[in-house]
Amino acid sequence: MTHYVQSVASQQVPPPYHFPDVTVNAFIWDADMAPIQVYCDRYLNLGDADERGFIYRPASFWPYGALVIIDYPTMVSSDPNREAKDIQGTPFPDRGFMSQREAFVVFPLLRAGAPLDKALLNTMVEWALPFITVENAMSAICGREMLGIPKFLGKIDICEGKYPDSFKARVGIPGWPSLQPGEMQDPDLTFLEVETFPALPTFRGGPDETSLWTLLRSGTAGKTIGALGTFNEFVESVSLGLYSFALRTVHLRQFRDATDPFKALYQAIVSCRSTYSSIHNFRFYNENDVKIRFNDRGSFSQILDGFLGARAARRHGQGRSIHIPGMVRAPRVRAAYRFNGNIDFDHTRTLHAFAVDQGDGQPKTKTSDDMLAPWFRPIRGFFSESGS
């Protein structure tokens, strides 16, 4: 493989990464299947299904999405190969650390193998990442150019809300307040606002929580879950693997043709994995007291249509009780919680490289495929001719 040429103009830090003692605030809401299917068809289901060998669909048996806001006090390279040096001669793991805040939306997808001979071996649950914002410029560059994750560079404000032990956040990203000709872009236009009451148990806020998540919300249950050394296995079991703390996301990575910026020279589906461990301080919020609002004005309406169906939400009057112009509520929040822990970003893979028409009479680029489900990888050697 051709060796990458590092440049002083780009201080990209390659994976793997280690993020100790992060603070995670997560909010689970009802998902609308229609915009998620549109997202799948536009960004993942490219070309003919039989040729590519898979179809992405919303995981309708788990019809929920999640807004996750993370505070990373320390971000370090965990590359064990310290012989790999950048152009300044210092290995990345020895360069110290960075910090950042991050906000993203994820939805579960079912990747089904097609045709039938691939239905079992290629089928698994993965996660779409239609929106992600980070505060650190290097993180944004690495995510886009190295990992294929479509990161925005923005500003994320996190603080306590009106009461102690509550949570409040604002996410601002560059955007156009309207799509009128000649509109000036605002570099810090509010896209998202979140506010909660104190974590449970608390006497403040609205009526008692009403979802099935209530069974896990007592103070005793929260402390017990936080103390479990096998918390990852516990979450995987109760959620049938859908809310595993090993999050595998999928993205469309592509590069533009320099001579025709409306065409792509390269398109591939890339998977990234982040694993959560050492979970502690697990606390629930009352989901009835969580307020999540999105800005539906100008260029932001295009972002929201990718996962929220914001225009449809406004047509059905979900935003009528909000007195902030252009702001719409998220769908009904089903659960809200926070915890501390470690995150390791340790695995990336190109799942499928699409054939790209190069034009000018040149043949299409070749496809490559690595869609085999993880459960089958350890035993596939038994079915190969070489036995390896």
Foldseek 3Di string as FASTA:
>chain_A
DDDDAFDPVAPADDDWKKFAWKKKKKFKFFFDQVLQQVLQVVWPVPDDQQVQFKGKGFPVVPRMKMKMKMWGPWMAHPDPPQVDAHPVRGRRRPPGTDTKIKIWMKGKMWIATPDPVCRPFQTDIAIATLAMEMQDPSVCCCCCPPFVHNYFHWDKDWDADPDPQWIKMWTFAWFFQAPDPPTDIDGGHTFKIKTADHFPPDPDDDDAADFPCVVQAHPVSQQVLQPDQVNQVVVCVVVVNNPHQWHKYKGWHFDADPVDRVFTPWIFIKIWIKHWHNKHPKTWTRLVGMWMKGQCGHPSVVSCSNIQVVVVQVVVPQAVVPPDPRIGTGHRTNIIIMIITMMIGHDMDGAKIDFGDPDPPDDTDDMDHDSGDPVCVVPVLCVDPVSD
